[in-house]
PDB file of N, CA and C in Angstrom:
ATOM      1  N   MET A   1      15.641  -9.997  -1.293  1.00  0.00           N
ATOM      2  CA  MET A   1      14.793 -10.796  -0.442  1.00  0.00           C
ATOM      3  C   MET A   1      13.407 -10.881  -1.086  1.00  0.00           C
ATOM      4  N   VAL A   2      12.954 -12.077  -1.314  1.00  0.00           N
ATOM      5  CA  VAL A   2      11.660 -12.308  -1.938  1.00  0.00           C
ATOM      6  C   VAL A   2      10.707 -12.850  -0.881  1.00  0.00           C
ATOM      7  N   PHE A   3       9.487 -12.381  -0.892  1.00  0.00           N
ATOM      8  CA  PHE A   3       8.516 -12.856   0.084  1.00  0.00           C
ATOM      9  C   PHE A   3       7.880 -14.157  -0.388  1.00  0.00           C
ATOM     10  N   LYS A   4       7.314 -14.886   0.556  1.00  0.00           N
ATOM     11  CA  LYS A   4       6.687 -16.169   0.257  1.00  0.00           C
ATOM     12  C   LYS A   4       5.210 -15.974  -0.044  1.00  0.00           C
ATOM     13  N   LYS A   5       4.626 -16.949  -0.698  1.00  0.00           N
ATOM     14  CA  LYS A   5       3.209 -16.911  -1.028  1.00  0.00           C
ATOM     15  C   LYS A   5       2.361 -16.874   0.246  1.00  0.00           C
ATOM     16  N   GLU A   6       2.827 -17.537   1.298  1.00  0.00           N
ATOM     17  CA  GLU A   6       2.106 -17.548   2.580  1.00  0.00           C
ATOM     18  C   GLU A   6       2.065 -16.153   3.190  1.00  0.00           C
ATOM     19  N   ASP A   7       3.168 -15.404   3.039  1.00  0.00           N
ATOM     20  CA  ASP A   7       3.213 -14.029   3.552  1.00  0.00           C
ATOM     21  C   ASP A   7       2.174 -13.163   2.845  1.00  0.00           C
ATOM     22  N   PHE A   8       2.067 -13.347   1.529  1.00  0.00           N
ATOM     23  CA  PHE A   8       1.097 -12.581   0.752  1.00  0.00           C
ATOM     24  C   PHE A   8      -0.328 -12.896   1.208  1.00  0.00           C
ATOM     25  N   LYS A   9      -0.636 -14.163   1.383  1.00  0.00           N
ATOM     26  CA  LYS A   9      -1.981 -14.563   1.812  1.00  0.00           C
ATOM     27  C   LYS A   9      -2.303 -14.013   3.197  1.00  0.00           C
ATOM     28  N   LYS A  10      -1.320 -14.051   4.077  1.00  0.00           N
ATOM     29  CA  LYS A  10      -1.524 -13.549   5.437  1.00  0.00           C
ATOM     30  C   LYS A  10      -1.868 -12.057   5.420  1.00  0.00           C
ATOM     31  N   VAL A  11      -1.134 -11.291   4.622  1.00  0.00           N
ATOM     32  CA  VAL A  11      -1.367  -9.843   4.517  1.00  0.00           C
ATOM     33  C   VAL A  11      -2.706  -9.575   3.836  1.00  0.00           C
ATOM     34  N   LEU A  12      -3.032 -10.359   2.817  1.00  0.00           N
ATOM     35  CA  LEU A  12      -4.276 -10.170   2.076  1.00  0.00           C
ATOM     36  C   LEU A  12      -5.497 -10.341   2.982  1.00  0.00           C
ATOM     37  N   LEU A  13      -5.429 -11.270   3.908  1.00  0.00           N
ATOM     38  CA  LEU A  13      -6.556 -11.541   4.797  1.00  0.00           C
ATOM     39  C   LEU A  13      -6.548 -10.693   6.064  1.00  0.00           C
ATOM     40  N   SER A  14      -5.467  -9.979   6.323  1.00  0.00           N
ATOM     41  CA  SER A  14      -5.371  -9.165   7.540  1.00  0.00           C
ATOM     42  C   SER A  14      -5.995  -7.790   7.337  1.00  0.00           C
ATOM     43  N   LYS A  15      -6.073  -7.054   8.432  1.00  0.00           N
ATOM     44  CA  LYS A  15      -6.560  -5.676   8.369  1.00  0.00           C
ATOM     45  C   LYS A  15      -5.476  -4.796   7.763  1.00  0.00           C
ATOM     46  N   PRO A  16      -5.871  -3.689   7.122  1.00  0.00           N
ATOM     47  CA  PRO A  16      -4.860  -2.795   6.534  1.00  0.00           C
ATOM     48  C   PRO A  16      -4.002  -2.129   7.604  1.00  0.00           C
ATOM     49  N   LYS A  17      -2.736  -1.944   7.288  1.00  0.00           N
ATOM     50  CA  LYS A  17      -1.808  -1.272   8.209  1.00  0.00           C
ATOM     51  C   LYS A  17      -1.944   0.248   8.122  1.00  0.00           C
ATOM     52  N   LEU A  18      -2.450   0.732   6.981  1.00  0.00           N
ATOM     53  CA  LEU A  18      -2.518   2.162   6.735  1.00  0.00           C
ATOM     54  C   LEU A  18      -3.727   2.467   5.867  1.00  0.00           C
ATOM     55  N   ILE A  19      -4.349   3.635   6.091  1.00  0.00           N
ATOM     56  CA  ILE A  19      -5.539   4.026   5.329  1.00  0.00           C
ATOM     57  C   ILE A  19      -5.284   5.386   4.683  1.00  0.00           C
ATOM     58  N   ILE A  20      -5.601   5.460   3.382  1.00  0.00           N
ATOM     59  CA  ILE A  20      -5.483   6.733   2.663  1.00  0.00           C
ATOM     60  C   ILE A  20      -6.774   7.491   2.890  1.00  0.00           C
ATOM     61  N   GLY A  21      -6.680   8.652   3.520  1.00  0.00           N
ATOM     62  CA  GLY A  21      -7.852   9.442   3.833  1.00  0.00           C
ATOM     63  C   GLY A  21      -8.150  10.484   2.779  1.00  0.00           C
ATOM     64  N   LYS A  22      -9.023  11.413   3.143  1.00  0.00           N
ATOM     65  CA  LYS A  22      -9.453  12.435   2.187  1.00  0.00           C
ATOM     66  C   LYS A  22      -8.342  13.404   1.805  1.00  0.00           C
ATOM     67  N   ASN A  23      -7.277  13.488   2.620  1.00  0.00           N
ATOM     68  CA  ASN A  23      -6.152  14.368   2.289  1.00  0.00           C
ATOM     69  C   ASN A  23      -5.245  13.770   1.229  1.00  0.00           C
ATOM     70  N   GLY A  24      -5.414  12.499   0.939  1.00  0.00           N
ATOM     71  CA  GLY A  24      -4.613  11.855  -0.097  1.00  0.00           C
ATOM     72  C   GLY A  24      -3.253  11.417   0.412  1.00  0.00           C
ATOM     73  N   ILE A  25      -2.297  11.402  -0.484  1.00  0.00           N
ATOM     74  CA  ILE A  25      -0.952  10.927  -0.172  1.00  0.00           C
ATOM     75  C   ILE A  25      -0.101  12.123   0.232  1.00  0.00           C
ATOM     76  N   THR A  26       0.030  12.309   1.522  1.00  0.00           N
ATOM     77  CA  THR A  26       0.800  13.426   2.062  1.00  0.00           C
ATOM     78  C   THR A  26       2.220  12.972   2.389  1.00  0.00           C
ATOM     79  N   ASP A  27       3.067  13.917   2.742  1.00  0.00           N
ATOM     80  CA  ASP A  27       4.440  13.587   3.139  1.00  0.00           C
ATOM     81  C   ASP A  27       4.445  12.738   4.409  1.00  0.00           C
ATOM     82  N   GLU A  28       3.517  13.019   5.324  1.00  0.00           N
ATOM     83  CA  GLU A  28       3.418  12.241   6.561  1.00  0.00           C
ATOM     84  C   GLU A  28       3.009  10.803   6.261  1.00  0.00           C
ATOM     85  N   PHE A  29       2.097  10.626   5.316  1.00  0.00           N
ATOM     86  CA  PHE A  29       1.663   9.294   4.903  1.00  0.00           C
ATOM     87  C   PHE A  29       2.848   8.496   4.359  1.00  0.00           C
ATOM     88  N   VAL A  30       3.626   9.117   3.490  1.00  0.00           N
ATOM     89  CA  VAL A  30       4.787   8.455   2.882  1.00  0.00           C
ATOM     90  C   VAL A  30       5.828   8.114   3.950  1.00  0.00           C
ATOM     91  N   ALA A  31       6.074   9.039   4.882  1.00  0.00           N
ATOM     92  CA  ALA A  31       7.051   8.798   5.947  1.00  0.00           C
ATOM     93  C   ALA A  31       6.607   7.634   6.828  1.00  0.00           C
ATOM     94  N   HIS A  32       5.314   7.590   7.157  1.00  0.00           N
ATOM     95  CA  HIS A  32       4.796   6.508   7.990  1.00  0.00           C
ATOM     96  C   HIS A  32       4.876   5.173   7.255  1.00  0.00           C
ATOM     97  N   LEU A  33       4.580   5.178   5.974  1.00  0.00           N
ATOM     98  CA  LEU A  33       4.659   3.955   5.172  1.00  0.00           C
ATOM     99  C   LEU A  33       6.101   3.455   5.100  1.00  0.00           C
ATOM    100  N   ASN A  34       7.053   4.344   4.948  1.00  0.00           N
ATOM    101  CA  ASN A  34       8.462   3.944   4.941  1.00  0.00           C
ATOM    102  C   ASN A  34       8.879   3.351   6.285  1.00  0.00           C
ATOM    103  N   THR A  35       8.341   3.883   7.377  1.00  0.00           N
ATOM    104  CA  THR A  35       8.606   3.330   8.698  1.00  0.00           C
ATOM    105  C   THR A  35       8.041   1.914   8.811  1.00  0.00           C
ATOM    106  N   LEU A  36       6.831   1.719   8.295  1.00  0.00           N
ATOM    107  CA  LEU A  36       6.224   0.389   8.331  1.00  0.00           C
ATOM    108  C   LEU A  36       7.003  -0.611   7.485  1.00  0.00           C
ATOM    109  N   PHE A  37       7.592  -0.161   6.381  1.00  0.00           N
ATOM    110  CA  PHE A  37       8.387  -1.051   5.532  1.00  0.00           C
ATOM    111  C   PHE A  37       9.629  -1.560   6.251  1.00  0.00           C
ATOM    112  N   LYS A  38      10.114  -0.833   7.233  1.00  0.00           N
ATOM    113  CA  LYS A  38      11.281  -1.295   7.984  1.00  0.00           C
ATOM    114  C   LYS A  38      10.940  -2.514   8.838  1.00  0.00           C
ATOM    115  N   LYS A  39       9.654  -2.639   9.236  1.00  0.00           N
ATOM    116  CA  LYS A  39       9.221  -3.746  10.088  1.00  0.00           C
ATOM    117  C   LYS A  39       8.571  -4.879   9.307  1.00  0.00           C
ATOM    118  N   ASN A  40       7.955  -4.569   8.169  1.00  0.00           N
ATOM    119  CA  ASN A  40       7.177  -5.552   7.417  1.00  0.00           C
ATOM    120  C   ASN A  40       7.667  -5.661   5.983  1.00  0.00           C
ATOM    121  N   LYS A  41       7.594  -6.872   5.419  1.00  0.00           N
ATOM    122  CA  LYS A  41       7.973  -7.082   4.031  1.00  0.00           C
ATOM    123  C   LYS A  41       6.875  -6.607   3.092  1.00  0.00           C
ATOM    124  N   ILE A  42       5.636  -6.892   3.483  1.00  0.00           N
ATOM    125  CA  ILE A  42       4.475  -6.578   2.649  1.00  0.00           C
ATOM    126  C   ILE A  42       3.490  -5.784   3.499  1.00  0.00           C
ATOM    127  N   ILE A  43       2.863  -4.771   2.903  1.00  0.00           N
ATOM    128  CA  ILE A  43       1.920  -3.927   3.641  1.00  0.00           C
ATOM    129  C   ILE A  43       0.636  -3.771   2.842  1.00  0.00           C
ATOM    130  N   LYS A  44      -0.477  -3.845   3.564  1.00  0.00           N
ATOM    131  CA  LYS A  44      -1.794  -3.633   2.967  1.00  0.00           C
ATOM    132  C   LYS A  44      -2.239  -2.209   3.300  1.00  0.00           C
ATOM    133  N   VAL A  45      -2.639  -1.480   2.254  1.00  0.00           N
ATOM    134  CA  VAL A  45      -3.115  -0.099   2.405  1.00  0.00           C
ATOM    135  C   VAL A  45      -4.519  -0.031   1.844  1.00  0.00           C
ATOM    136  N   LYS A  46      -5.416   0.599   2.575  1.00  0.00           N
ATOM    137  CA  LYS A  46      -6.798   0.732   2.135  1.00  0.00           C
ATOM    138  C   LYS A  46      -7.095   2.197   1.839  1.00  0.00           C
ATOM    139  N   ALA A  47      -7.881   2.450   0.807  1.00  0.00           N
ATOM    140  CA  ALA A  47      -8.270   3.809   0.442  1.00  0.00           C
ATOM    141  C   ALA A  47      -9.736   4.032   0.798  1.00  0.00           C
ATOM    142  N   LEU A  48     -10.023   5.170   1.385  1.00  0.00           N
ATOM    143  CA  LEU A  48     -11.411   5.505   1.669  1.00  0.00           C
ATOM    144  C   LEU A  48     -12.152   5.779   0.362  1.00  0.00           C
ATOM    145  N   LYS A  49     -13.465   5.604   0.404  1.00  0.00           N
ATOM    146  CA  LYS A  49     -14.285   5.793  -0.786  1.00  0.00           C
ATOM    147  C   LYS A  49     -14.194   7.225  -1.306  1.00  0.00           C
ATOM    148  N   SER A  50     -14.070   8.191  -0.413  1.00  0.00           N
ATOM    149  CA  SER A  50     -14.037   9.601  -0.818  1.00  0.00           C
ATOM    150  C   SER A  50     -12.817   9.927  -1.685  1.00  0.00           C
ATOM    151  N   ILE A  51     -11.663   9.330  -1.386  1.00  0.00           N
ATOM    152  CA  ILE A  51     -10.464   9.621  -2.176  1.00  0.00           C
ATOM    153  C   ILE A  51     -10.500   8.889  -3.511  1.00  0.00           C
ATOM    154  N   THR A  52     -11.130   7.717  -3.566  1.00  0.00           N
ATOM    155  CA  THR A  52     -11.173   6.978  -4.833  1.00  0.00           C
ATOM    156  C   THR A  52     -12.159   7.603  -5.817  1.00  0.00           C
ATOM    157  N   LYS A  53     -13.071   8.439  -5.331  1.00  0.00           N
ATOM    158  CA  LYS A  53     -13.961   9.169  -6.242  1.00  0.00           C
ATOM    159  C   LYS A  53     -13.187  10.260  -6.981  1.00  0.00           C
ATOM    160  N   GLU A  54     -12.217  10.869  -6.294  1.00  0.00           N
ATOM    161  CA  GLU A  54     -11.420  11.944  -6.883  1.00  0.00           C
ATOM    162  C   GLU A  54     -10.296  11.405  -7.768  1.00  0.00           C
ATOM    163  N   THR A  55      -9.609  10.380  -7.284  1.00  0.00           N
ATOM    164  CA  THR A  55      -8.446   9.820  -7.980  1.00  0.00           C
ATOM    165  C   THR A  55      -8.617   8.304  -8.092  1.00  0.00           C
ATOM    166  N   PRO A  56      -8.462   7.745  -9.282  1.00  0.00           N
ATOM    167  CA  PRO A  56      -8.579   6.290  -9.416  1.00  0.00           C
ATOM    168  C   PRO A  56      -7.534   5.554  -8.572  1.00  0.00           C
ATOM    169  N   LEU A  57      -7.903   4.393  -8.106  1.00  0.00           N
ATOM    170  CA  LEU A  57      -7.026   3.612  -7.233  1.00  0.00           C
ATOM    171  C   LEU A  57      -5.710   3.252  -7.917  1.00  0.00           C
ATOM    172  N   LYS A  58      -5.758   3.003  -9.203  1.00  0.00           N
ATOM    173  CA  LYS A  58      -4.545   2.647  -9.945  1.00  0.00           C
ATOM    174  C   LYS A  58      -3.529   3.791  -9.895  1.00  0.00           C
ATOM    175  N   GLU A  59      -4.006   5.019 -10.046  1.00  0.00           N
ATOM    176  CA  GLU A  59      -3.111   6.181  -9.974  1.00  0.00           C
ATOM    177  C   GLU A  59      -2.551   6.354  -8.568  1.00  0.00           C
ATOM    178  N   LEU A  60      -3.389   6.124  -7.545  1.00  0.00           N
ATOM    179  CA  LEU A  60      -2.906   6.208  -6.169  1.00  0.00           C
ATOM    180  C   LEU A  60      -1.803   5.183  -5.927  1.00  0.00           C
ATOM    181  N   GLY A  61      -2.016   3.966  -6.411  1.00  0.00           N
ATOM    182  CA  GLY A  61      -1.019   2.917  -6.244  1.00  0.00           C
ATOM    183  C   GLY A  61       0.298   3.251  -6.912  1.00  0.00           C
ATOM    184  N   LYS A  62       0.227   3.798  -8.129  1.00  0.00           N
ATOM    185  CA  LYS A  62       1.450   4.188  -8.838  1.00  0.00           C
ATOM    186  C   LYS A  62       2.192   5.284  -8.090  1.00  0.00           C
ATOM    187  N   GLU A  63       1.442   6.283  -7.614  1.00  0.00           N
ATOM    188  CA  GLU A  63       2.079   7.396  -6.902  1.00  0.00           C
ATOM    189  C   GLU A  63       2.735   6.919  -5.607  1.00  0.00           C
ATOM    190  N   ILE A  64       2.046   6.059  -4.873  1.00  0.00           N
ATOM    191  CA  ILE A  64       2.615   5.541  -3.619  1.00  0.00           C
ATOM    192  C   ILE A  64       3.879   4.744  -3.896  1.00  0.00           C
ATOM    193  N   SER A  65       3.819   3.871  -4.892  1.00  0.00           N
ATOM    194  CA  SER A  65       4.990   3.039  -5.182  1.00  0.00           C
ATOM    195  C   SER A  65       6.176   3.884  -5.662  1.00  0.00           C
ATOM    196  N   GLN A  66       5.917   4.951  -6.399  1.00  0.00           N
ATOM    197  CA  GLN A  66       7.004   5.826  -6.838  1.00  0.00           C
ATOM    198  C   GLN A  66       7.606   6.605  -5.673  1.00  0.00           C
ATOM    199  N   ARG A  67       6.745   7.127  -4.808  1.00  0.00           N
ATOM    200  CA  ARG A  67       7.235   7.962  -3.705  1.00  0.00           C
ATOM    201  C   ARG A  67       7.930   7.160  -2.610  1.00  0.00           C
ATOM    202  N   THR A  68       7.607   5.860  -2.495  1.00  0.00           N
ATOM    203  CA  THR A  68       8.232   5.026  -1.464  1.00  0.00           C
ATOM    204  C   THR A  68       9.259   4.054  -2.034  1.00  0.00           C
ATOM    205  N   GLN A  69       9.494   4.102  -3.339  1.00  0.00           N
ATOM    206  CA  GLN A  69      10.386   3.162  -4.015  1.00  0.00           C
ATOM    207  C   GLN A  69      10.010   1.720  -3.681  1.00  0.00           C
ATOM    208  N   SER A  70       8.716   1.423  -3.779  1.00  0.00           N
ATOM    209  CA  SER A  70       8.210   0.077  -3.505  1.00  0.00           C
ATOM    210  C   SER A  70       7.542  -0.479  -4.763  1.00  0.00           C
ATOM    211  N   HIS A  71       7.021  -1.688  -4.651  1.00  0.00           N
ATOM    212  CA  HIS A  71       6.374  -2.355  -5.776  1.00  0.00           C
ATOM    213  C   HIS A  71       4.909  -2.601  -5.446  1.00  0.00           C
ATOM    214  N   LEU A  72       4.034  -2.262  -6.367  1.00  0.00           N
ATOM    215  CA  LEU A  72       2.608  -2.528  -6.218  1.00  0.00           C
ATOM    216  C   LEU A  72       2.372  -3.974  -6.647  1.00  0.00           C
ATOM    217  N   ILE A  73       1.988  -4.809  -5.693  1.00  0.00           N
ATOM    218  CA  ILE A  73       1.817  -6.228  -5.974  1.00  0.00           C
ATOM    219  C   ILE A  73       0.405  -6.551  -6.419  1.00  0.00           C
ATOM    220  N   ASP A  74      -0.586  -5.971  -5.722  1.00  0.00           N
ATOM    221  CA  ASP A  74      -1.971  -6.349  -5.998  1.00  0.00           C
ATOM    222  C   ASP A  74      -2.916  -5.214  -5.634  1.00  0.00           C
ATOM    223  N   MET A  75      -4.042  -5.148  -6.358  1.00  0.00           N
ATOM    224  CA  MET A  75      -5.119  -4.206  -6.047  1.00  0.00           C
ATOM    225  C   MET A  75      -6.411  -4.999  -6.040  1.00  0.00           C
ATOM    226  N   ARG A  76      -7.139  -4.923  -4.933  1.00  0.00           N
ATOM    227  CA  ARG A  76      -8.427  -5.598  -4.827  1.00  0.00           C
ATOM    228  C   ARG A  76      -9.398  -4.658  -4.130  1.00  0.00           C
ATOM    229  N   GLY A  77     -10.487  -4.356  -4.812  1.00  0.00           N
ATOM    230  CA  GLY A  77     -11.443  -3.411  -4.244  1.00  0.00           C
ATOM    231  C   GLY A  77     -10.780  -2.065  -4.083  1.00  0.00           C
ATOM    232  N   ARG A  78     -10.740  -1.574  -2.842  1.00  0.00           N
ATOM    233  CA  ARG A  78     -10.042  -0.319  -2.545  1.00  0.00           C
ATOM    234  C   ARG A  78      -8.767  -0.578  -1.759  1.00  0.00           C
ATOM    235  N   SER A  79      -8.244  -1.794  -1.841  1.00  0.00           N
ATOM    236  CA  SER A  79      -7.023  -2.157  -1.114  1.00  0.00           C
ATOM    237  C   SER A  79      -5.841  -2.319  -2.056  1.00  0.00           C
ATOM    238  N   LEU A  80      -4.690  -1.905  -1.568  1.00  0.00           N
ATOM    239  CA  LEU A  80      -3.430  -2.046  -2.295  1.00  0.00           C
ATOM    240  C   LEU A  80      -2.497  -2.897  -1.456  1.00  0.00           C
ATOM    241  N   ILE A  81      -1.744  -3.760  -2.105  1.00  0.00           N
ATOM    242  CA  ILE A  81      -0.727  -4.527  -1.402  1.00  0.00           C
ATOM    243  C   ILE A  81       0.615  -4.131  -1.994  1.00  0.00           C
ATOM    244  N   LEU A  82       1.495  -3.638  -1.137  1.00  0.00           N
ATOM    245  CA  LEU A  82       2.791  -3.120  -1.550  1.00  0.00           C
ATOM    246  C   LEU A  82       3.915  -3.901  -0.894  1.00  0.00           C
ATOM    247  N   SER A  83       5.026  -4.000  -1.608  1.00  0.00           N
ATOM    248  CA  SER A  83       6.206  -4.659  -1.078  1.00  0.00           C
ATOM    249  C   SER A  83       7.424  -3.803  -1.401  1.00  0.00           C
ATOM    250  N   LYS A  84       8.359  -3.784  -0.495  1.00  0.00           N
ATOM    251  CA  LYS A  84       9.600  -3.046  -0.721  1.00  0.00           C
ATOM    252  C   LYS A  84      10.484  -3.789  -1.712  1.00  0.00           C
ATOM    253  N   HIS A  85      10.285  -5.104  -1.817  1.00  0.00           N
ATOM    254  CA  HIS A  85      11.092  -5.942  -2.694  1.00  0.00           C
ATOM    255  C   HIS A  85      10.231  -6.488  -3.819  1.00  0.00           C
ATOM    256  N   ALA A  86      10.806  -6.699  -4.967  1.00  0.00           N
ATOM    257  CA  ALA A  86      10.064  -7.250  -6.112  1.00  0.00           C
ATOM    258  C   ALA A  86       9.655  -8.680  -5.820  1.00  0.00           C
ATOM    259  N   SER A  87       8.516  -9.071  -6.341  1.00  0.00           N
ATOM    260  CA  SER A  87       8.032 -10.441  -6.101  1.00  0.00           C
ATOM    261  C   SER A  87       8.713 -11.453  -6.980  1.00  0.00           C
TER     262      SER A  87
END
């Protein structure tokens, strides 16, 4: 299942569904993200400034995509856009 360009734009302009806090990527975070993937094709995740000082956003995105078996579609600012299916 491939998402449409309109779906991507809608998610890009919406508020994030999940925020990475100072604790980083925990097991609870991954479990919640997997739950959200059951309802949504594409999810926007935002990282707080405090976590991006410790770990670069690119590394956070790679770790999230590996732990959730998802695809990192886009990174803008401190936001990540992830999809369970390849674009």
